[in-house]
Amino acid sequence: MGVVNTLLDLGLFLLLHGHLGIIAANFVSTSAGMTFSFVVNGLFTFKAGRLTLRHAALFLATTGAVMWLLQPLVIHLLLAAGDRAGLDPDSTLVLLGVKVVSIGVSFVANFAAYRYVVWPSTTRTARARA
């Protein structure tokens, strides 16, 4: 599920960054990934049984903070570091690398938020059954 979500995010970002710019392309690609991730993580990864408005609000708040604040910050920091190292920030390969690293950082931050904030009771229930 994470692979599909990552491919969706990455594919849309690479497709759109030339037309929309990095920030707007990242917003669109992460929004599409967020929608997919909410449904899949809620129902399958954390076995919520049903998705509630509370889940949606917590998911949007935590994922939004990670995807719309943390991820662009990571992208800009990496692009700045690459620029100082002499890498072309407009290179598709550089953008791809930067986006992949930012997705990795987001993956860890999001999973922690989902486990401890969005679906904490389902995590405890699953551990109790094991």
N, C-alpha and C. Protein backbone atom coordinates (compact mmCIF):
# COMPACT_ATOMS: atom_id res chain seq x y z
N MET A 1 0.82 -1.19 0.00
CA MET A 1 0.00 0.00 0.00
C MET A 1 0.87 1.26 0.00
N GLY A 2 1.92 1.23 0.79
CA GLY A 2 2.83 2.37 0.84
C GLY A 2 3.53 2.60 -0.49
N VAL A 3 3.81 1.51 -1.20
CA VAL A 3 4.46 1.63 -2.51
C VAL A 3 3.53 2.32 -3.50
N VAL A 4 2.27 1.92 -3.51
CA VAL A 4 1.30 2.55 -4.42
C VAL A 4 1.14 4.02 -4.09
N ASN A 5 1.04 4.33 -2.81
CA ASN A 5 0.91 5.71 -2.36
C ASN A 5 2.13 6.52 -2.79
N THR A 6 3.32 5.97 -2.62
CA THR A 6 4.55 6.65 -2.99
C THR A 6 4.63 6.86 -4.49
N LEU A 7 4.28 5.85 -5.26
CA LEU A 7 4.30 5.98 -6.72
C LEU A 7 3.29 7.02 -7.20
N LEU A 8 2.14 7.07 -6.58
CA LEU A 8 1.13 8.06 -6.91
C LEU A 8 1.67 9.47 -6.64
N ASP A 9 2.21 9.67 -5.47
CA ASP A 9 2.78 10.97 -5.08
C ASP A 9 3.92 11.36 -6.00
N LEU A 10 4.86 10.46 -6.17
CA LEU A 10 6.05 10.74 -6.99
C LEU A 10 5.68 10.98 -8.45
N GLY A 11 4.82 10.13 -8.99
CA GLY A 11 4.42 10.27 -10.39
C GLY A 11 3.73 11.59 -10.67
N LEU A 12 2.78 11.96 -9.82
CA LEU A 12 2.09 13.24 -10.01
C LEU A 12 3.04 14.42 -9.83
N PHE A 13 3.93 14.34 -8.86
CA PHE A 13 4.90 15.41 -8.64
C PHE A 13 5.78 15.62 -9.88
N LEU A 14 6.33 14.53 -10.41
CA LEU A 14 7.20 14.65 -11.59
C LEU A 14 6.42 15.12 -12.82
N LEU A 15 5.19 14.68 -12.94
CA LEU A 15 4.35 15.08 -14.06
C LEU A 15 3.98 16.56 -14.00
N LEU A 16 3.74 17.07 -12.81
CA LEU A 16 3.18 18.41 -12.66
C LEU A 16 4.18 19.52 -12.32
N HIS A 17 5.38 19.19 -11.82
CA HIS A 17 6.27 20.25 -11.32
C HIS A 17 6.67 21.26 -12.39
N GLY A 18 6.80 20.84 -13.64
CA GLY A 18 7.15 21.76 -14.72
C GLY A 18 6.03 22.72 -15.07
N HIS A 19 4.80 22.30 -14.82
CA HIS A 19 3.63 23.12 -15.16
C HIS A 19 3.15 23.99 -14.00
N LEU A 20 3.24 23.44 -12.79
CA LEU A 20 2.68 24.12 -11.63
C LEU A 20 3.72 24.74 -10.70
N GLY A 21 4.96 24.33 -10.85
CA GLY A 21 6.00 24.71 -9.89
C GLY A 21 6.10 23.66 -8.80
N ILE A 22 7.19 23.71 -8.05
CA ILE A 22 7.46 22.66 -7.07
C ILE A 22 6.43 22.64 -5.95
N ILE A 23 6.08 23.78 -5.39
CA ILE A 23 5.16 23.81 -4.25
C ILE A 23 3.76 23.35 -4.64
N ALA A 24 3.22 23.87 -5.73
CA ALA A 24 1.88 23.48 -6.16
C ALA A 24 1.84 22.01 -6.58
N ALA A 25 2.86 21.56 -7.30
CA ALA A 25 2.91 20.15 -7.71
C ALA A 25 2.98 19.25 -6.48
N ASN A 26 3.76 19.66 -5.49
CA ASN A 26 3.86 18.88 -4.25
C ASN A 26 2.52 18.86 -3.52
N PHE A 27 1.81 19.98 -3.50
CA PHE A 27 0.50 20.04 -2.86
C PHE A 27 -0.49 19.08 -3.53
N VAL A 28 -0.54 19.10 -4.85
CA VAL A 28 -1.45 18.22 -5.58
C VAL A 28 -1.07 16.75 -5.38
N SER A 29 0.21 16.44 -5.53
CA SER A 29 0.64 15.04 -5.43
C SER A 29 0.45 14.49 -4.02
N THR A 30 0.76 15.29 -3.01
CA THR A 30 0.59 14.81 -1.64
C THR A 30 -0.89 14.72 -1.26
N SER A 31 -1.72 15.60 -1.80
CA SER A 31 -3.17 15.53 -1.53
C SER A 31 -3.77 14.26 -2.09
N ALA A 32 -3.37 13.89 -3.29
CA ALA A 32 -3.85 12.64 -3.89
C ALA A 32 -3.37 11.45 -3.06
N GLY A 33 -2.11 11.49 -2.65
CA GLY A 33 -1.57 10.42 -1.82
C GLY A 33 -2.27 10.35 -0.46
N MET A 34 -2.59 11.51 0.11
CA MET A 34 -3.27 11.55 1.40
C MET A 34 -4.64 10.88 1.34
N THR A 35 -5.36 11.16 0.29
CA THR A 35 -6.70 10.58 0.15
C THR A 35 -6.62 9.06 0.08
N PHE A 36 -5.72 8.57 -0.76
CA PHE A 36 -5.52 7.13 -0.88
C PHE A 36 -5.07 6.54 0.46
N SER A 37 -4.11 7.20 1.09
CA SER A 37 -3.54 6.71 2.34
C SER A 37 -4.56 6.65 3.47
N PHE A 38 -5.44 7.63 3.56
CA PHE A 38 -6.46 7.63 4.61
C PHE A 38 -7.30 6.37 4.56
N VAL A 39 -7.80 6.07 3.39
CA VAL A 39 -8.67 4.91 3.24
C VAL A 39 -7.92 3.61 3.49
N VAL A 40 -6.78 3.47 2.85
CA VAL A 40 -6.02 2.22 2.94
C VAL A 40 -5.45 2.00 4.35
N ASN A 41 -4.84 3.02 4.92
CA ASN A 41 -4.28 2.86 6.27
C ASN A 41 -5.36 2.63 7.30
N GLY A 42 -6.44 3.39 7.22
CA GLY A 42 -7.51 3.24 8.19
C GLY A 42 -8.13 1.86 8.17
N LEU A 43 -8.48 1.39 6.99
CA LEU A 43 -9.20 0.12 6.89
C LEU A 43 -8.30 -1.10 6.95
N PHE A 44 -7.09 -1.02 6.39
CA PHE A 44 -6.25 -2.21 6.29
C PHE A 44 -5.07 -2.21 7.27
N THR A 45 -4.27 -1.16 7.27
CA THR A 45 -3.09 -1.16 8.13
C THR A 45 -3.46 -1.14 9.61
N PHE A 46 -4.38 -0.22 9.99
CA PHE A 46 -4.73 -0.08 11.40
C PHE A 46 -6.07 -0.72 11.74
N LYS A 47 -6.71 -1.37 10.75
CA LYS A 47 -7.93 -2.15 10.95
C LYS A 47 -8.98 -1.41 11.79
N ALA A 48 -9.28 -0.18 11.38
CA ALA A 48 -10.21 0.66 12.12
C ALA A 48 -11.65 0.14 12.07
N GLY A 49 -11.97 -0.71 11.12
CA GLY A 49 -13.34 -1.21 11.01
C GLY A 49 -14.21 -0.25 10.23
N ARG A 50 -14.15 1.01 10.60
CA ARG A 50 -14.85 2.06 9.87
C ARG A 50 -14.06 3.35 10.03
N LEU A 51 -14.25 4.23 9.11
CA LEU A 51 -13.56 5.52 9.13
C LEU A 51 -14.53 6.58 9.61
N THR A 52 -14.15 7.28 10.67
CA THR A 52 -15.03 8.28 11.26
C THR A 52 -14.59 9.69 10.90
N LEU A 53 -15.45 10.63 11.18
CA LEU A 53 -15.10 12.04 10.96
C LEU A 53 -13.94 12.43 11.86
N ARG A 54 -13.90 11.89 13.07
CA ARG A 54 -12.77 12.15 13.98
C ARG A 54 -11.47 11.66 13.36
N HIS A 55 -11.48 10.43 12.82
CA HIS A 55 -10.29 9.91 12.14
C HIS A 55 -9.88 10.84 11.00
N ALA A 56 -10.85 11.26 10.22
CA ALA A 56 -10.55 12.12 9.06
C ALA A 56 -9.92 13.44 9.51
N ALA A 57 -10.47 14.04 10.56
CA ALA A 57 -9.93 15.32 11.05
C ALA A 57 -8.51 15.16 11.59
N LEU A 58 -8.29 14.12 12.39
CA LEU A 58 -6.95 13.87 12.93
C LEU A 58 -5.97 13.52 11.82
N PHE A 59 -6.42 12.71 10.87
CA PHE A 59 -5.58 12.34 9.74
C PHE A 59 -5.18 13.57 8.93
N LEU A 60 -6.16 14.41 8.63
CA LEU A 60 -5.88 15.62 7.85
C LEU A 60 -4.93 16.54 8.59
N ALA A 61 -5.13 16.70 9.89
CA ALA A 61 -4.26 17.58 10.68
C ALA A 61 -2.83 17.05 10.73
N THR A 62 -2.67 15.77 11.05
CA THR A 62 -1.32 15.22 11.17
C THR A 62 -0.65 15.08 9.81
N THR A 63 -1.36 14.55 8.84
CA THR A 63 -0.77 14.36 7.52
C THR A 63 -0.53 15.70 6.84
N GLY A 64 -1.46 16.63 7.02
CA GLY A 64 -1.27 17.96 6.45
C GLY A 64 -0.02 18.63 6.99
N ALA A 65 0.19 18.51 8.31
CA ALA A 65 1.40 19.09 8.91
C ALA A 65 2.66 18.47 8.33
N VAL A 66 2.64 17.16 8.15
CA VAL A 66 3.81 16.48 7.61
C VAL A 66 3.99 16.78 6.12
N MET A 67 2.92 16.62 5.35
CA MET A 67 3.04 16.72 3.90
C MET A 67 3.11 18.16 3.38
N TRP A 68 2.45 19.08 4.08
CA TRP A 68 2.40 20.46 3.58
C TRP A 68 3.36 21.39 4.29
N LEU A 69 3.91 20.96 5.43
CA LEU A 69 4.89 21.78 6.14
C LEU A 69 6.27 21.12 6.18
N LEU A 70 6.31 19.89 6.71
CA LEU A 70 7.60 19.20 6.85
C LEU A 70 8.20 18.85 5.49
N GLN A 71 7.40 18.25 4.59
CA GLN A 71 7.95 17.81 3.31
C GLN A 71 8.48 18.97 2.46
N PRO A 72 7.75 20.07 2.30
CA PRO A 72 8.33 21.19 1.54
C PRO A 72 9.59 21.75 2.20
N LEU A 73 9.64 21.75 3.53
CA LEU A 73 10.84 22.20 4.23
C LEU A 73 12.03 21.30 3.89
N VAL A 74 11.81 19.99 3.93
CA VAL A 74 12.87 19.04 3.57
C VAL A 74 13.30 19.25 2.12
N ILE A 75 12.33 19.41 1.22
CA ILE A 75 12.64 19.62 -0.20
C ILE A 75 13.52 20.86 -0.37
N HIS A 76 13.11 21.96 0.24
CA HIS A 76 13.88 23.20 0.07
C HIS A 76 15.26 23.11 0.71
N LEU A 77 15.36 22.48 1.87
CA LEU A 77 16.67 22.32 2.50
C LEU A 77 17.60 21.46 1.64
N LEU A 78 17.06 20.38 1.09
CA LEU A 78 17.88 19.51 0.24
C LEU A 78 18.26 20.19 -1.07
N LEU A 79 17.33 20.94 -1.66
CA LEU A 79 17.66 21.66 -2.90
C LEU A 79 18.72 22.73 -2.64
N ALA A 80 18.62 23.41 -1.51
CA ALA A 80 19.62 24.43 -1.16
C ALA A 80 20.98 23.78 -0.94
N ALA A 81 21.00 22.64 -0.25
CA ALA A 81 22.26 21.93 -0.02
C ALA A 81 22.84 21.44 -1.35
N GLY A 82 21.98 20.94 -2.21
CA GLY A 82 22.44 20.48 -3.53
C GLY A 82 22.97 21.62 -4.37
N ASP A 83 22.31 22.77 -4.30
CA ASP A 83 22.76 23.95 -5.04
C ASP A 83 24.15 24.38 -4.56
N ARG A 84 24.34 24.38 -3.25
CA ARG A 84 25.66 24.73 -2.69
C ARG A 84 26.73 23.72 -3.12
N ALA A 85 26.30 22.47 -3.33
CA ALA A 85 27.24 21.42 -3.75
C ALA A 85 27.44 21.42 -5.27
N GLY A 86 26.77 22.33 -5.96
CA GLY A 86 26.95 22.43 -7.41
C GLY A 86 25.98 21.62 -8.24
N LEU A 87 24.94 21.07 -7.62
CA LEU A 87 23.94 20.30 -8.37
C LEU A 87 22.90 21.25 -8.96
N ASP A 88 22.40 20.90 -10.13
CA ASP A 88 21.39 21.71 -10.80
C ASP A 88 20.02 21.43 -10.18
N PRO A 89 19.42 22.41 -9.48
CA PRO A 89 18.13 22.16 -8.82
C PRO A 89 16.98 21.93 -9.79
N ASP A 90 17.19 22.26 -11.07
CA ASP A 90 16.14 22.03 -12.07
C ASP A 90 16.28 20.68 -12.76
N SER A 91 17.32 19.95 -12.43
CA SER A 91 17.54 18.63 -13.02
C SER A 91 16.46 17.66 -12.52
N THR A 92 15.89 16.92 -13.43
CA THR A 92 14.86 15.94 -13.06
C THR A 92 15.43 14.91 -12.10
N LEU A 93 16.66 14.51 -12.30
CA LEU A 93 17.29 13.52 -11.42
C LEU A 93 17.47 14.07 -10.00
N VAL A 94 17.88 15.33 -9.89
CA VAL A 94 18.03 15.96 -8.58
C VAL A 94 16.67 16.08 -7.91
N LEU A 95 15.66 16.55 -8.64
CA LEU A 95 14.31 16.67 -8.09
C LEU A 95 13.77 15.31 -7.64
N LEU A 96 14.02 14.29 -8.44
CA LEU A 96 13.58 12.95 -8.09
C LEU A 96 14.23 12.50 -6.78
N GLY A 97 15.53 12.69 -6.66
CA GLY A 97 16.23 12.30 -5.45
C GLY A 97 15.73 13.05 -4.23
N VAL A 98 15.55 14.35 -4.39
CA VAL A 98 15.05 15.19 -3.29
C VAL A 98 13.65 14.75 -2.88
N LYS A 99 12.80 14.50 -3.84
CA LYS A 99 11.43 14.09 -3.54
C LYS A 99 11.41 12.73 -2.85
N VAL A 100 12.24 11.80 -3.29
CA VAL A 100 12.29 10.47 -2.68
C VAL A 100 12.74 10.58 -1.22
N VAL A 101 13.76 11.38 -0.94
CA VAL A 101 14.21 11.56 0.44
C VAL A 101 13.11 12.20 1.28
N SER A 102 12.43 13.21 0.72
CA SER A 102 11.36 13.87 1.48
C SER A 102 10.20 12.91 1.74
N ILE A 103 9.93 12.01 0.82
CA ILE A 103 8.89 10.99 1.03
C ILE A 103 9.31 10.05 2.16
N GLY A 104 10.58 9.68 2.20
CA GLY A 104 11.08 8.81 3.27
C GLY A 104 10.92 9.45 4.65
N VAL A 105 11.27 10.73 4.75
CA VAL A 105 11.10 11.45 6.01
C VAL A 105 9.62 11.51 6.38
N SER A 106 8.78 11.80 5.39
CA SER A 106 7.33 11.89 5.62
C SER A 106 6.74 10.55 6.03
N PHE A 107 7.23 9.48 5.44
CA PHE A 107 6.72 8.15 5.75
C PHE A 107 6.87 7.85 7.25
N VAL A 108 8.05 8.12 7.77
CA VAL A 108 8.31 7.86 9.19
C VAL A 108 7.44 8.76 10.08
N ALA A 109 7.40 10.04 9.77
CA ALA A 109 6.62 10.99 10.56
C ALA A 109 5.12 10.65 10.50
N ASN A 110 4.62 10.33 9.32
CA ASN A 110 3.20 10.00 9.18
C ASN A 110 2.84 8.72 9.92
N PHE A 111 3.66 7.68 9.79
CA PHE A 111 3.34 6.42 10.45
C PHE A 111 3.25 6.62 11.96
N ALA A 112 4.19 7.38 12.51
CA ALA A 112 4.15 7.65 13.95
C ALA A 112 2.87 8.41 14.33
N ALA A 113 2.51 9.38 13.52
CA ALA A 113 1.28 10.14 13.79
C ALA A 113 0.05 9.26 13.68
N TYR A 114 0.00 8.39 12.69
CA TYR A 114 -1.17 7.52 12.53
C TYR A 114 -1.28 6.55 13.72
N ARG A 115 -0.16 5.98 14.10
CA ARG A 115 -0.17 4.98 15.17
C ARG A 115 -0.50 5.57 16.53
N TYR A 116 0.02 6.75 16.81
CA TYR A 116 -0.14 7.31 18.15
C TYR A 116 -1.19 8.41 18.27
N VAL A 117 -1.65 8.97 17.14
CA VAL A 117 -2.62 10.06 17.21
C VAL A 117 -3.94 9.68 16.53
N VAL A 118 -3.89 9.22 15.30
CA VAL A 118 -5.12 9.00 14.52
C VAL A 118 -5.84 7.71 14.92
N TRP A 119 -5.11 6.61 14.98
CA TRP A 119 -5.73 5.32 15.31
C TRP A 119 -5.04 4.66 16.50
N PRO A 120 -4.89 5.33 17.62
CA PRO A 120 -4.16 4.72 18.74
C PRO A 120 -4.90 3.55 19.38
N SER A 121 -6.21 3.62 19.45
CA SER A 121 -6.97 2.55 20.10
C SER A 121 -6.94 1.28 19.27
N THR A 122 -6.95 1.39 17.96
CA THR A 122 -6.91 0.18 17.12
C THR A 122 -5.54 -0.47 17.22
N THR A 123 -4.49 0.33 17.43
CA THR A 123 -3.15 -0.23 17.59
C THR A 123 -3.06 -1.02 18.89
N ARG A 124 -3.59 -0.46 19.97
CA ARG A 124 -3.58 -1.16 21.25
C ARG A 124 -4.42 -2.44 21.18
N THR A 125 -5.56 -2.38 20.52
CA THR A 125 -6.42 -3.54 20.39
C THR A 125 -5.73 -4.63 19.61
N ALA A 126 -5.05 -4.26 18.52
CA ALA A 126 -4.35 -5.25 17.70
C ALA A 126 -3.22 -5.92 18.49
N ARG A 127 -2.49 -5.13 19.32
CA ARG A 127 -1.42 -5.71 20.13
C ARG A 127 -1.99 -6.63 21.21
N ALA A 128 -3.13 -6.29 21.77
CA ALA A 128 -3.73 -7.09 22.81
C ALA A 128 -4.16 -8.46 22.28
N ARG A 129 -4.58 -8.50 21.02
CA ARG A 129 -5.00 -9.76 20.40
C ARG A 129 -3.83 -10.65 20.07
N ALA A 130 -2.67 -10.07 19.83
CA ALA A 130 -1.49 -10.85 19.39
C ALA A 130 -0.86 -11.65 20.47
